Amino acid sequence: MSEPILVRFRRLVAGALAELERRRAEVNDLNVFPVPDGDTGDNMSLTLRAVLAELDRLADADLDQVGREEVVAAVARAALLGARGNSGVILSQIVRGAAEELASRRGQPIDPALISAALARAADAAYSSVREPAEGTMLTVVRAMATAVAHEVARMPASRLDRGVAAAEQDRLLADVLETALDAARRAVADSPSQLAVLREAGVVDAGAYGLCALLAGAVAALRGAPVELEHHAPSSRPAIHSPAHTSTRYRYCTNFAVSGRDLNPNQLRLRLEQLGDSVLVVGDARTVRVHLHTNDPEAAVALCGEEGEVSRLDVADMWQQVEERRARVEGTVRQRPRCGVVAVASGSGLERLLEELGAVVVGGDGPVRAHELLAAINATGAETVVIVPTDEAAAGAARDAAELAERPVVALDALAPQQLLAALVEFDDARPADDNAARIRARAEAVAHGGVRPVAVGDNAASSEEAVAVVGDDEVARGRPREALAALADQLAAGAELLTVLVGRDAPLGEDELRECLPQHLEVEVLPGGQRDWWWLLAAE
């Protein structure tokens, strides 16, 4: 990367990202506004990572041939596509505003005057991205930075640098200017609880505002070649009382995606999306926009925007789950982030509880599972990689869709029977990579003989408690009274087995004593409450 402006811009971004990563957990735990979902540090980090990756891709570009506007557009688009959550989207606009200004002055060194102009443009872009700006947030901080630097530059005898200025002198002057911005940012962060009631009630400073302080401290450190001291702000375990004007309490899913097309109208999309939820941000241009909203129906939001262009980079997080995770972190009751997580799709209160005890995040219920529910569950694992294990073919299709859409590595297995899944999940090890866990689960499941007993349907929707059918795979192996069908299935599965596990459905007609009388007496038998709706008993033999 030979262009001096972009070389120095990359240094600043890399330094900012390094400091944010060092304080990311702290920023996450400060996050109580607009929802205490504890992901502000993650979201800001994703934005800067995308910017840094794009700058590295452009490292060998000849800016005279590619064009400065094209380079700026590429960096702004990378920030936009990498953004997630309110803080990430707003940060992407700060980056866009600063990048446009820094790259607009052909051949001009990055000097105090240019930094001042870049901060002013970044503040304007940030405020323009939010329909109802809330003071006491990162918006206030970026404006305070811009104002302080503008006043400082106005008092300088020389705020412009000649092209021949030494690199070390340029770094020193820029560090001085950015330290002025950092001082203003620190004061704004400390003052944020006085401006935003939810922060004052929760006993914290604003997470996004503090995240911006960390970014600026990292940039100064990159210029100085030495760390910059920055005060820590301890998170509070006190519950946040939400301000109704700016918080999401009605909606469950934080939904983020990009839309690509022609003649896109961000304002029109925003107005339509506001019918589906709140905390709506739609930023971008006629070709690419980034959407963020809190909603109970992510698929409706995707469908609405899909009418205007191609939807990609869908990310859905369950904010209710995130709120509980943040509370656990702050109270010190959460374990370290695992290397691998597992998402299980299952139906039946007992089965869901058993799978959760084995470490799975469970997507349950009797209705069809949707991709956005699985994406939220993937995020809820908190793991670097994830395995999804569905228990029917429809869920398997949703699992494959979620794996393709997820922004972290996900392995979606083919459908397993619920009793297979329960037996196989003992092989899961959260310290192993997803591919390894998927292979272990698959191998264990294939070694499990399994079948089920269900009632024979009578009439339209009723079921007879007098007649049952025993099934192995797609084959009927017995039909008759419930005791007879259960005994026949157990005898068939018992060959060569040592352990027989029985998951009891919600409407099973036999009590446990009667059930055990139907089973081979030479086997070790484990009877567990499954709570499944359609099957009286699900059996697994090992």
Protein backbone atom coordinates (compact mmCIF):
# COMPACT_ATOMS: atom_id res chain seq x y z
CA MET A 1 0.00 0.00 0.00
CA SER A 2 2.08 2.90 -1.28
CA GLU A 3 -0.46 5.73 -0.95
CA PRO A 4 0.65 7.61 2.24
CA ILE A 5 -2.88 8.56 3.32
CA LEU A 6 -4.16 4.97 3.16
CA VAL A 7 -1.00 3.59 4.77
CA ARG A 8 -1.48 5.82 7.78
CA PHE A 9 -5.25 5.23 7.79
CA ARG A 10 -4.60 1.47 7.98
CA ARG A 11 -2.19 1.98 10.90
CA LEU A 12 -4.83 3.93 12.78
CA VAL A 13 -7.55 1.35 12.08
CA ALA A 14 -5.31 -1.54 13.14
CA GLY A 15 -4.33 0.22 16.36
CA ALA A 16 -7.95 1.11 17.11
CA LEU A 17 -9.09 -2.46 16.54
CA ALA A 18 -6.33 -3.87 18.75
CA GLU A 19 -7.35 -1.67 21.69
CA LEU A 20 -11.05 -2.42 21.19
CA GLU A 21 -10.36 -6.15 21.13
CA ARG A 22 -8.46 -5.78 24.41
CA ARG A 23 -11.48 -4.09 26.01
CA ARG A 24 -14.24 -5.83 24.09
CA ALA A 25 -15.58 -7.85 27.04
CA GLU A 26 -15.66 -4.70 29.17
CA VAL A 27 -17.59 -2.83 26.47
CA ASN A 28 -20.01 -5.75 26.12
CA ASP A 29 -20.74 -5.81 29.83
CA LEU A 30 -21.39 -2.04 29.96
CA ASN A 31 -24.08 -2.40 27.28
CA VAL A 32 -27.51 -1.59 28.70
CA PHE A 33 -28.86 0.77 26.02
CA PRO A 34 -31.02 0.51 23.99
CA VAL A 35 -31.26 -3.12 25.18
CA PRO A 36 -28.96 -4.71 27.80
CA ASP A 37 -27.96 -7.45 25.36
CA GLY A 38 -24.22 -7.19 25.96
CA ASP A 39 -22.89 -7.17 22.39
CA THR A 40 -21.74 -3.59 21.69
CA GLY A 41 -18.05 -4.51 21.76
CA ASP A 42 -18.64 -7.46 19.42
CA ASN A 43 -20.60 -5.32 16.97
CA MET A 44 -18.05 -2.51 16.84
CA SER A 45 -15.23 -5.01 16.44
CA LEU A 46 -16.94 -6.67 13.47
CA THR A 47 -17.17 -3.31 11.71
CA LEU A 48 -13.48 -2.48 12.14
CA ARG A 49 -12.37 -5.99 11.17
CA ALA A 50 -14.22 -5.61 7.88
CA VAL A 51 -12.55 -2.23 7.25
CA LEU A 52 -9.09 -3.62 7.99
CA ALA A 53 -9.67 -6.60 5.70
CA GLU A 54 -10.70 -4.28 2.87
CA LEU A 55 -7.65 -2.06 3.38
CA ASP A 56 -5.44 -5.14 3.20
CA ARG A 57 -7.18 -6.19 -0.02
CA LEU A 58 -6.41 -2.76 -1.47
CA ALA A 59 -2.79 -2.88 -0.34
CA ASP A 60 -1.33 -3.15 -3.84
CA ALA A 61 -3.86 -0.95 -5.60
CA ASP A 62 -2.62 1.89 -7.81
CA LEU A 63 -4.91 4.68 -6.66
CA ASP A 64 -4.24 6.76 -9.75
CA GLN A 65 -5.64 3.95 -11.88
CA VAL A 66 -8.33 2.61 -9.53
CA GLY A 67 -9.54 6.02 -8.46
CA ARG A 68 -9.75 7.53 -5.00
CA GLU A 69 -13.54 7.61 -5.02
CA GLU A 70 -13.67 3.89 -5.81
CA VAL A 71 -11.31 3.12 -2.94
CA VAL A 72 -13.33 5.18 -0.48
CA ALA A 73 -16.53 3.51 -1.70
CA ALA A 74 -14.94 0.08 -1.17
CA VAL A 75 -13.89 0.91 2.40
CA ALA A 76 -17.29 2.43 3.22
CA ARG A 77 -19.06 -0.59 1.76
CA ALA A 78 -16.86 -2.98 3.76
CA ALA A 79 -17.74 -1.13 6.97
CA LEU A 80 -21.39 -1.21 6.02
CA LEU A 81 -21.48 -4.92 5.26
CA GLY A 82 -19.45 -5.80 8.33
CA ALA A 83 -21.68 -3.81 10.68
CA ARG A 84 -24.07 -5.45 13.12
CA GLY A 85 -26.31 -3.91 15.76
CA ASN A 86 -26.93 -0.25 16.48
CA SER A 87 -23.35 0.43 17.50
CA GLY A 88 -21.85 -1.35 14.51
CA VAL A 89 -24.06 0.44 12.01
CA ILE A 90 -23.38 3.86 13.56
CA LEU A 91 -19.64 3.10 13.63
CA SER A 92 -19.78 2.16 9.95
CA GLN A 93 -21.11 5.63 9.22
CA ILE A 94 -18.39 7.25 11.32
CA VAL A 95 -15.82 5.31 9.30
CA ARG A 96 -17.52 6.25 6.05
CA GLY A 97 -17.56 9.95 6.88
CA ALA A 98 -13.94 9.98 8.01
CA ALA A 99 -12.73 7.92 5.05
CA GLU A 100 -14.47 10.14 2.52
CA GLU A 101 -12.81 13.23 3.97
CA LEU A 102 -9.36 11.68 4.42
CA ALA A 103 -9.27 10.45 0.85
CA SER A 104 -10.81 13.53 -0.74
CA ARG A 105 -7.65 15.65 -0.64
CA ARG A 106 -5.43 14.37 -3.43
CA GLY A 107 -1.80 14.20 -2.32
CA GLN A 108 -2.41 16.09 0.93
CA PRO A 109 -0.73 14.66 4.05
CA ILE A 110 -2.93 13.73 6.99
CA ASP A 111 -2.50 16.85 9.08
CA PRO A 112 -4.44 18.48 11.97
CA ALA A 113 -6.73 20.37 9.61
CA LEU A 114 -7.61 17.19 7.71
CA ILE A 115 -8.24 15.27 10.95
CA SER A 116 -10.57 18.04 12.08
CA ALA A 117 -12.49 17.93 8.81
CA ALA A 118 -12.67 14.12 8.97
CA LEU A 119 -14.09 14.12 12.52
CA ALA A 120 -16.67 16.76 11.58
CA ARG A 121 -17.79 14.72 8.59
CA ALA A 122 -17.84 11.54 10.70
CA ALA A 123 -20.08 13.20 13.30
CA ASP A 124 -22.46 14.42 10.61
CA ALA A 125 -22.66 10.93 9.08
CA ALA A 126 -23.30 9.34 12.49
CA TYR A 127 -26.14 11.68 13.41
CA SER A 128 -27.68 11.34 9.94
CA SER A 129 -27.86 7.56 10.34
CA VAL A 130 -30.27 7.72 13.30
CA ARG A 131 -33.80 8.99 13.03
CA GLU A 132 -34.09 9.89 16.73
CA PRO A 133 -30.55 10.55 18.04
CA ALA A 134 -30.07 9.90 21.75
CA GLU A 135 -27.58 12.08 23.58
CA GLY A 136 -25.23 10.42 26.05
CA THR A 137 -24.27 7.81 23.46
CA MET A 138 -21.49 7.37 20.90
CA LEU A 139 -23.17 10.12 18.86
CA THR A 140 -22.44 12.64 21.62
CA VAL A 141 -18.86 11.43 21.88
CA VAL A 142 -18.01 11.75 18.19
CA ARG A 143 -19.48 15.26 18.15
CA ALA A 144 -17.48 16.21 21.27
CA MET A 145 -14.34 14.90 19.58
CA ALA A 146 -15.00 16.92 16.43
CA THR A 147 -15.77 20.10 18.39
CA ALA A 148 -12.66 19.85 20.59
CA VAL A 149 -10.34 19.25 17.64
CA ALA A 150 -11.89 22.09 15.64
CA HIS A 151 -11.22 24.51 18.53
CA GLU A 152 -7.66 23.22 18.92
CA VAL A 153 -6.89 23.49 15.19
CA ALA A 154 -8.32 27.01 15.07
CA ARG A 155 -5.70 28.10 17.63
CA MET A 156 -2.76 26.44 15.85
CA PRO A 157 -0.32 28.76 14.08
CA ALA A 158 0.02 26.15 11.31
CA SER A 159 -2.52 23.36 10.90
CA ARG A 160 -1.38 22.31 7.43
CA LEU A 161 1.68 20.19 6.68
CA ASP A 162 3.93 20.28 3.66
CA ARG A 163 4.33 17.15 1.60
CA GLY A 164 7.95 16.82 2.62
CA VAL A 165 7.33 16.69 6.37
CA ALA A 166 9.09 13.80 8.11
CA ALA A 167 6.87 10.83 8.99
CA ALA A 168 7.84 10.95 12.68
CA GLU A 169 6.94 14.63 12.94
CA GLN A 170 3.64 13.99 11.20
CA ASP A 171 2.85 11.17 13.64
CA ARG A 172 3.68 13.41 16.62
CA LEU A 173 1.41 16.24 15.45
CA LEU A 174 -1.45 13.90 14.65
CA ALA A 175 -1.11 12.15 18.00
CA ASP A 176 -1.32 15.53 19.73
CA VAL A 177 -4.54 16.33 17.87
CA LEU A 178 -6.09 12.94 18.54
CA GLU A 179 -5.22 13.19 22.21
CA THR A 180 -7.26 16.38 22.27
CA ALA A 181 -10.13 14.36 20.80
CA LEU A 182 -9.54 11.58 23.34
CA ASP A 183 -9.68 14.00 26.27
CA ALA A 184 -13.01 15.31 24.98
CA ALA A 185 -14.27 11.75 24.46
CA ARG A 186 -13.35 10.77 28.03
CA ARG A 187 -15.27 13.74 29.41
CA ALA A 188 -18.28 12.91 27.24
CA VAL A 189 -18.22 9.27 28.37
CA ALA A 190 -18.02 10.26 32.03
CA ASP A 191 -20.96 12.63 31.49
CA SER A 192 -23.12 10.11 29.61
CA PRO A 193 -25.14 8.97 32.67
CA SER A 194 -26.28 12.56 33.26
CA GLN A 195 -27.68 12.68 29.73
CA LEU A 196 -29.35 9.28 29.53
CA ALA A 197 -31.58 8.09 32.36
CA VAL A 198 -31.18 4.40 31.58
CA LEU A 199 -27.42 4.68 32.15
CA ARG A 200 -27.87 6.58 35.39
CA GLU A 201 -30.38 4.03 36.68
CA ALA A 202 -28.11 1.12 35.72
CA GLY A 203 -24.98 2.75 37.16
CA VAL A 204 -22.89 2.57 33.98
CA VAL A 205 -21.47 4.77 31.22
CA ASP A 206 -22.59 4.21 27.64
CA ALA A 207 -20.95 1.17 26.06
CA GLY A 208 -20.72 2.56 22.53
CA ALA A 209 -19.30 5.83 23.83
CA TYR A 210 -16.65 3.98 25.81
CA GLY A 211 -15.95 1.80 22.78
CA LEU A 212 -15.18 4.94 20.76
CA CYS A 213 -12.77 6.03 23.52
CA ALA A 214 -11.01 2.68 23.21
CA LEU A 215 -10.77 3.05 19.43
CA LEU A 216 -9.28 6.52 19.74
CA ALA A 217 -6.81 5.39 22.41
CA GLY A 218 -5.68 2.62 20.08
CA ALA A 219 -5.18 5.06 17.22
CA VAL A 220 -3.08 7.37 19.42
CA ALA A 221 -1.04 4.38 20.59
CA ALA A 222 -0.37 3.44 16.96
CA LEU A 223 1.01 6.92 16.33
CA ARG A 224 3.00 7.14 19.59
CA GLY A 225 4.32 3.60 19.46
CA ALA A 226 3.33 3.12 23.11
CA PRO A 227 0.10 2.15 24.95
CA VAL A 228 -2.30 4.87 26.08
CA GLU A 229 -3.75 4.64 29.57
CA LEU A 230 -7.54 4.53 29.62
CA GLU A 231 -9.72 4.26 32.69
CA HIS A 232 -11.83 1.14 33.17
CA HIS A 233 -15.56 1.32 33.82
CA ALA A 234 -16.95 -1.56 35.87
CA PRO A 235 -20.32 -2.90 34.66
CA SER A 236 -23.25 -2.94 37.03
CA SER A 237 -25.50 -5.87 37.83
CA ARG A 238 -28.38 -3.54 38.59
CA PRO A 239 -31.30 -3.93 36.18
CA ALA A 240 -31.77 -1.18 33.62
CA ILE A 241 -35.09 0.66 33.59
CA HIS A 242 -35.72 1.41 29.97
CA SER A 243 -36.66 4.76 28.51
CA PRO A 244 -39.64 4.02 26.27
CA ALA A 245 -38.54 6.52 23.65
CA HIS A 246 -35.39 4.65 22.74
CA THR A 247 -35.53 1.05 23.95
CA SER A 248 -36.76 -2.28 22.65
CA THR A 249 -38.70 -4.27 25.23
CA ARG A 250 -41.46 -5.62 22.99
CA TYR A 251 -39.27 -7.24 20.36
CA ARG A 252 -37.14 -10.34 20.65
CA TYR A 253 -34.83 -10.57 17.63
CA CYS A 254 -32.03 -8.19 16.69
CA THR A 255 -32.04 -8.59 12.91
CA ASN A 256 -29.28 -7.43 10.57
CA PHE A 257 -28.82 -7.90 6.83
CA ALA A 258 -27.63 -6.22 3.67
CA VAL A 259 -29.68 -5.46 0.57
CA SER A 260 -28.09 -5.06 -2.87
CA GLY A 261 -29.93 -3.77 -5.91
CA ARG A 262 -30.61 -0.75 -8.07
CA ASP A 263 -32.42 2.44 -7.13
CA LEU A 264 -32.75 1.41 -3.48
CA ASN A 265 -34.38 4.05 -1.29
CA PRO A 266 -33.13 3.76 2.32
CA ASN A 267 -35.75 6.18 3.67
CA GLN A 268 -38.66 4.31 2.12
CA LEU A 269 -37.31 0.99 3.37
CA ARG A 270 -36.94 2.42 6.85
CA LEU A 271 -40.54 3.65 6.92
CA ARG A 272 -41.82 0.23 5.84
CA LEU A 273 -39.61 -1.64 8.32
CA GLU A 274 -40.82 0.54 11.18
CA GLN A 275 -44.16 -1.25 10.81
CA LEU A 276 -42.42 -4.49 11.84
CA GLY A 277 -40.35 -3.33 14.81
CA ASP A 278 -38.26 -0.58 16.31
CA SER A 279 -34.62 0.55 16.62
CA VAL A 280 -34.66 0.64 12.82
CA LEU A 281 -31.51 1.77 11.01
CA VAL A 282 -31.27 1.71 7.21
CA VAL A 283 -28.07 3.23 5.87
CA GLY A 284 -26.31 3.09 2.54
CA ASP A 285 -26.97 4.22 -0.99
CA ALA A 286 -28.98 3.30 -4.09
CA ARG A 287 -26.95 0.10 -4.62
CA THR A 288 -26.27 -1.26 -1.12
CA VAL A 289 -27.97 -0.70 2.22
CA ARG A 290 -27.46 -2.18 5.65
CA VAL A 291 -30.57 -2.90 7.69
CA HIS A 292 -30.83 -3.22 11.46
CA LEU A 293 -34.04 -3.59 13.43
CA HIS A 294 -35.56 -5.22 16.48
CA THR A 295 -38.56 -7.33 15.53
CA ASN A 296 -40.52 -10.45 16.35
CA ASP A 297 -40.67 -11.48 12.69
CA PRO A 298 -37.26 -11.37 10.98
CA GLU A 299 -38.55 -13.32 7.99
CA ALA A 300 -41.15 -10.63 7.28
CA ALA A 301 -38.41 -7.99 7.29
CA VAL A 302 -36.29 -10.08 4.93
CA ALA A 303 -39.26 -10.67 2.62
CA LEU A 304 -40.10 -6.96 2.55
CA CYS A 305 -36.56 -5.98 1.56
CA GLY A 306 -36.30 -8.94 -0.78
CA GLU A 307 -38.90 -7.22 -2.95
CA GLU A 308 -36.39 -4.42 -3.58
CA GLY A 309 -33.13 -6.35 -4.02
CA GLU A 310 -31.00 -9.30 -2.99
CA VAL A 311 -30.75 -9.94 0.74
CA SER A 312 -27.47 -11.25 2.14
CA ARG A 313 -25.45 -11.39 5.38
CA LEU A 314 -28.49 -12.16 7.50
CA ASP A 315 -27.71 -12.26 11.22
CA VAL A 316 -30.37 -12.78 13.89
CA ALA A 317 -29.72 -12.65 17.64
CA ASP A 318 -32.18 -13.49 20.41
CA MET A 319 -32.00 -10.38 22.60
CA TRP A 320 -33.92 -12.02 25.46
CA GLN A 321 -31.21 -14.67 25.61
CA GLN A 322 -28.46 -12.07 25.28
CA VAL A 323 -29.89 -10.08 28.19
CA GLU A 324 -29.72 -13.18 30.40
CA GLU A 325 -26.19 -13.94 29.23
CA ARG A 326 -25.04 -10.41 30.07
CA ARG A 327 -26.63 -10.65 33.50
CA ALA A 328 -24.83 -13.94 34.13
CA ARG A 329 -21.51 -12.46 32.98
CA VAL A 330 -21.84 -9.42 35.21
CA GLU A 331 -22.78 -11.59 38.18
CA GLY A 332 -19.84 -13.87 37.50
CA THR A 333 -21.87 -17.01 36.79
CA VAL A 334 -20.96 -17.59 33.15
CA ARG A 335 -18.25 -19.89 31.86
CA GLN A 336 -15.59 -19.12 29.27
CA ARG A 337 -16.62 -18.94 25.60
CA PRO A 338 -16.51 -22.48 24.13
CA ARG A 339 -14.76 -23.46 20.93
CA CYS A 340 -17.86 -25.26 19.66
CA GLY A 341 -21.57 -25.08 20.44
CA VAL A 342 -24.45 -27.34 19.50
CA VAL A 343 -27.99 -26.38 18.50
CA ALA A 344 -30.62 -29.11 18.73
CA VAL A 345 -34.08 -28.98 17.17
CA ALA A 346 -36.50 -31.04 19.22
CA SER A 347 -40.11 -31.12 20.37
CA GLY A 348 -41.25 -32.16 23.82
CA SER A 349 -40.68 -30.43 27.14
CA GLY A 350 -38.85 -33.37 28.71
CA LEU A 351 -36.65 -34.01 25.68
CA GLU A 352 -35.77 -30.32 25.41
CA ARG A 353 -34.71 -30.25 29.06
CA LEU A 354 -32.58 -33.40 28.64
CA LEU A 355 -30.80 -31.94 25.61
CA GLU A 356 -30.14 -28.68 27.45
CA GLU A 357 -28.56 -30.68 30.29
CA LEU A 358 -26.20 -32.16 27.70
CA GLY A 359 -25.10 -28.66 26.68
CA ALA A 360 -27.33 -27.94 23.67
CA VAL A 361 -29.14 -24.72 22.86
CA VAL A 362 -32.56 -26.09 21.99
CA VAL A 363 -35.05 -24.76 19.47
CA GLY A 364 -38.27 -26.41 20.54
CA GLY A 365 -42.02 -26.26 20.09
CA ASP A 366 -44.44 -28.25 17.97
CA GLY A 367 -44.53 -25.86 14.99
CA PRO A 368 -42.10 -25.73 12.07
CA VAL A 369 -38.70 -24.28 12.87
CA ARG A 370 -37.55 -21.26 10.86
CA ALA A 371 -34.07 -20.22 9.82
CA HIS A 372 -34.10 -17.03 11.91
CA GLU A 373 -34.80 -19.05 15.07
CA LEU A 374 -31.77 -21.21 14.31
CA LEU A 375 -29.61 -18.14 13.62
CA ALA A 376 -30.61 -16.74 17.00
CA ALA A 377 -29.77 -20.09 18.62
CA ILE A 378 -26.38 -20.14 16.85
CA ASN A 379 -25.58 -16.75 18.37
CA ALA A 380 -26.89 -17.89 21.76
CA THR A 381 -24.26 -20.65 21.96
CA GLY A 382 -21.57 -17.97 22.24
CA ALA A 383 -19.22 -20.41 20.50
CA GLU A 384 -16.71 -19.89 17.73
CA THR A 385 -18.23 -22.72 15.64
CA VAL A 386 -21.54 -24.56 15.86
CA VAL A 387 -23.14 -27.91 14.99
CA ILE A 388 -26.89 -27.97 14.27
CA VAL A 389 -28.70 -31.29 14.78
CA PRO A 390 -32.32 -31.36 13.51
CA THR A 391 -34.86 -34.10 14.25
CA ASP A 392 -37.03 -33.95 11.11
CA GLU A 393 -36.52 -33.24 7.41
CA ALA A 394 -38.22 -29.83 7.46
CA ALA A 395 -35.92 -28.71 10.29
CA ALA A 396 -32.95 -30.13 8.36
CA GLY A 397 -33.75 -27.77 5.48
CA ALA A 398 -33.96 -24.80 7.84
CA ALA A 399 -30.66 -25.91 9.41
CA ARG A 400 -28.91 -25.90 6.04
CA ASP A 401 -30.29 -22.44 5.29
CA ALA A 402 -29.11 -21.13 8.67
CA ALA A 403 -25.65 -22.65 8.17
CA GLU A 404 -25.29 -20.81 4.85
CA LEU A 405 -26.47 -17.52 6.30
CA ALA A 406 -24.50 -17.63 9.55
CA GLU A 407 -21.43 -15.42 9.87
CA ARG A 408 -19.47 -18.08 11.77
CA PRO A 409 -18.61 -21.68 10.73
CA VAL A 410 -21.67 -23.94 11.14
CA VAL A 411 -22.08 -27.64 10.32
CA ALA A 412 -25.69 -28.76 9.74
CA LEU A 413 -26.23 -32.52 10.15
CA ASP A 414 -28.93 -34.53 8.45
CA ALA A 415 -32.02 -35.24 10.54
CA LEU A 416 -31.68 -37.69 13.42
CA ALA A 417 -34.50 -39.30 15.36
CA PRO A 418 -34.96 -37.59 18.75
CA GLN A 419 -33.87 -40.69 20.66
CA GLN A 420 -30.81 -40.99 18.41
CA LEU A 421 -29.91 -37.39 19.13
CA LEU A 422 -30.23 -37.86 22.88
CA ALA A 423 -27.92 -40.87 22.80
CA ALA A 424 -25.42 -39.30 20.40
CA LEU A 425 -25.10 -35.95 22.13
CA VAL A 426 -23.01 -37.50 24.91
CA GLU A 427 -20.19 -37.44 22.33
CA PHE A 428 -20.28 -33.64 22.08
CA ASP A 429 -17.19 -31.86 23.41
CA ASP A 430 -17.23 -28.05 23.33
CA ALA A 431 -13.42 -27.95 23.25
CA ARG A 432 -13.31 -29.75 19.87
CA PRO A 433 -13.91 -28.11 16.45
CA ALA A 434 -17.33 -28.35 14.81
CA ASP A 435 -16.26 -30.82 12.10
CA ASP A 436 -14.89 -33.20 14.72
CA ASN A 437 -18.01 -32.94 16.87
CA ALA A 438 -20.27 -33.47 13.86
CA ALA A 439 -18.40 -36.65 12.94
CA ARG A 440 -18.54 -37.97 16.52
CA ILE A 441 -22.27 -37.28 16.84
CA ARG A 442 -22.99 -38.84 13.46
CA ALA A 443 -20.97 -42.00 14.24
CA ARG A 444 -22.63 -42.48 17.63
CA ALA A 445 -26.10 -41.96 16.15
CA GLU A 446 -25.49 -44.59 13.46
CA ALA A 447 -24.73 -47.14 16.19
CA VAL A 448 -28.11 -46.59 17.87
CA ALA A 449 -31.01 -48.91 16.94
CA HIS A 450 -34.23 -46.96 17.30
CA GLY A 451 -37.96 -46.98 16.72
CA GLY A 452 -41.22 -45.69 18.10
CA VAL A 453 -44.78 -46.51 19.03
CA ARG A 454 -47.60 -44.17 18.11
CA PRO A 455 -51.38 -44.33 18.21
CA VAL A 456 -53.36 -45.38 15.18
CA ALA A 457 -55.32 -42.38 13.93
CA VAL A 458 -59.11 -42.64 13.92
CA GLY A 459 -61.54 -40.11 12.50
CA ASP A 460 -60.13 -36.77 11.38
CA ASN A 461 -57.74 -35.71 14.12
CA ALA A 462 -58.38 -38.06 17.01
CA ALA A 463 -56.23 -41.02 18.02
CA SER A 464 -57.28 -44.32 19.48
CA SER A 465 -55.80 -45.36 22.82
CA GLU A 466 -56.81 -48.92 22.05
CA GLU A 467 -54.57 -49.56 19.04
CA ALA A 468 -50.95 -48.69 18.37
CA VAL A 469 -48.41 -49.19 15.62
CA ALA A 470 -44.71 -49.85 16.16
CA VAL A 471 -42.35 -48.42 13.53
CA VAL A 472 -38.66 -48.80 12.74
CA GLY A 473 -37.63 -46.30 10.11
CA ASP A 474 -40.41 -46.35 7.53
CA ASP A 475 -41.39 -49.96 8.28
CA GLU A 476 -44.27 -51.06 10.45
CA VAL A 477 -43.11 -53.93 12.66
CA ALA A 478 -46.18 -54.48 14.84
CA ARG A 479 -49.77 -53.36 15.32
CA GLY A 480 -52.14 -54.03 18.17
CA ARG A 481 -52.82 -52.96 21.72
CA PRO A 482 -50.25 -50.51 23.13
CA ARG A 483 -48.60 -53.12 25.38
CA GLU A 484 -48.25 -55.57 22.48
CA ALA A 485 -46.82 -53.02 20.04
CA LEU A 486 -44.34 -51.75 22.63
CA ALA A 487 -43.21 -55.27 23.57
CA ALA A 488 -42.75 -56.26 19.92
CA LEU A 489 -40.65 -53.18 19.16
CA ALA A 490 -38.51 -53.62 22.28
CA ASP A 491 -37.85 -57.29 21.43
CA GLN A 492 -36.74 -56.37 17.91
CA LEU A 493 -34.39 -53.62 19.11
CA ALA A 494 -32.99 -55.66 21.99
CA ALA A 495 -30.86 -58.02 19.90
CA GLY A 496 -27.24 -57.42 20.83
CA ALA A 497 -28.08 -54.40 23.01
CA GLU A 498 -27.21 -53.71 26.63
CA LEU A 499 -29.09 -50.46 27.28
CA LEU A 500 -32.63 -49.53 26.25
CA THR A 501 -33.74 -45.90 26.62
CA VAL A 502 -37.44 -45.02 26.46
CA LEU A 503 -38.70 -41.48 25.95
CA VAL A 504 -42.29 -41.28 27.17
CA GLY A 505 -44.69 -39.05 25.23
CA ARG A 506 -47.17 -36.64 26.75
CA ASP A 507 -50.23 -38.84 26.12
CA ALA A 508 -48.71 -42.31 26.63
CA PRO A 509 -51.43 -44.69 27.94
CA LEU A 510 -49.21 -46.83 30.24
CA GLY A 511 -47.65 -45.93 33.55
CA GLU A 512 -43.96 -46.62 34.18
CA ASP A 513 -44.56 -49.92 36.00
CA GLU A 514 -46.75 -51.24 33.19
CA LEU A 515 -44.25 -50.00 30.63
CA ARG A 516 -41.35 -51.82 32.27
CA GLU A 517 -43.31 -55.06 32.28
CA CYS A 518 -43.38 -54.89 28.45
CA LEU A 519 -39.61 -54.57 28.10
CA PRO A 520 -36.91 -57.30 28.00
CA GLN A 521 -35.83 -57.98 31.57
CA HIS A 522 -32.19 -58.73 30.69
CA LEU A 523 -31.56 -55.15 29.50
CA GLU A 524 -30.67 -52.08 31.52
CA VAL A 525 -33.67 -49.81 30.99
CA GLU A 526 -33.78 -46.04 31.36
CA VAL A 527 -37.23 -44.41 31.25
CA LEU A 528 -37.19 -40.67 30.66
CA PRO A 529 -39.96 -38.08 30.26
CA GLY A 530 -39.85 -36.93 26.63
CA GLY A 531 -43.12 -35.04 26.42
CA GLN A 532 -43.32 -35.53 22.63
CA ARG A 533 -46.76 -35.10 21.08
CA ASP A 534 -47.04 -37.61 18.22
CA TRP A 535 -45.27 -40.63 19.70
CA TRP A 536 -46.28 -42.50 22.84
CA TRP A 537 -42.82 -44.02 23.18
CA LEU A 538 -39.52 -43.49 21.42
CA LEU A 539 -36.94 -46.25 21.97
CA ALA A 540 -33.17 -46.32 21.50
CA ALA A 541 -31.05 -49.45 22.00
CA GLU A 542 -27.28 -49.46 22.45
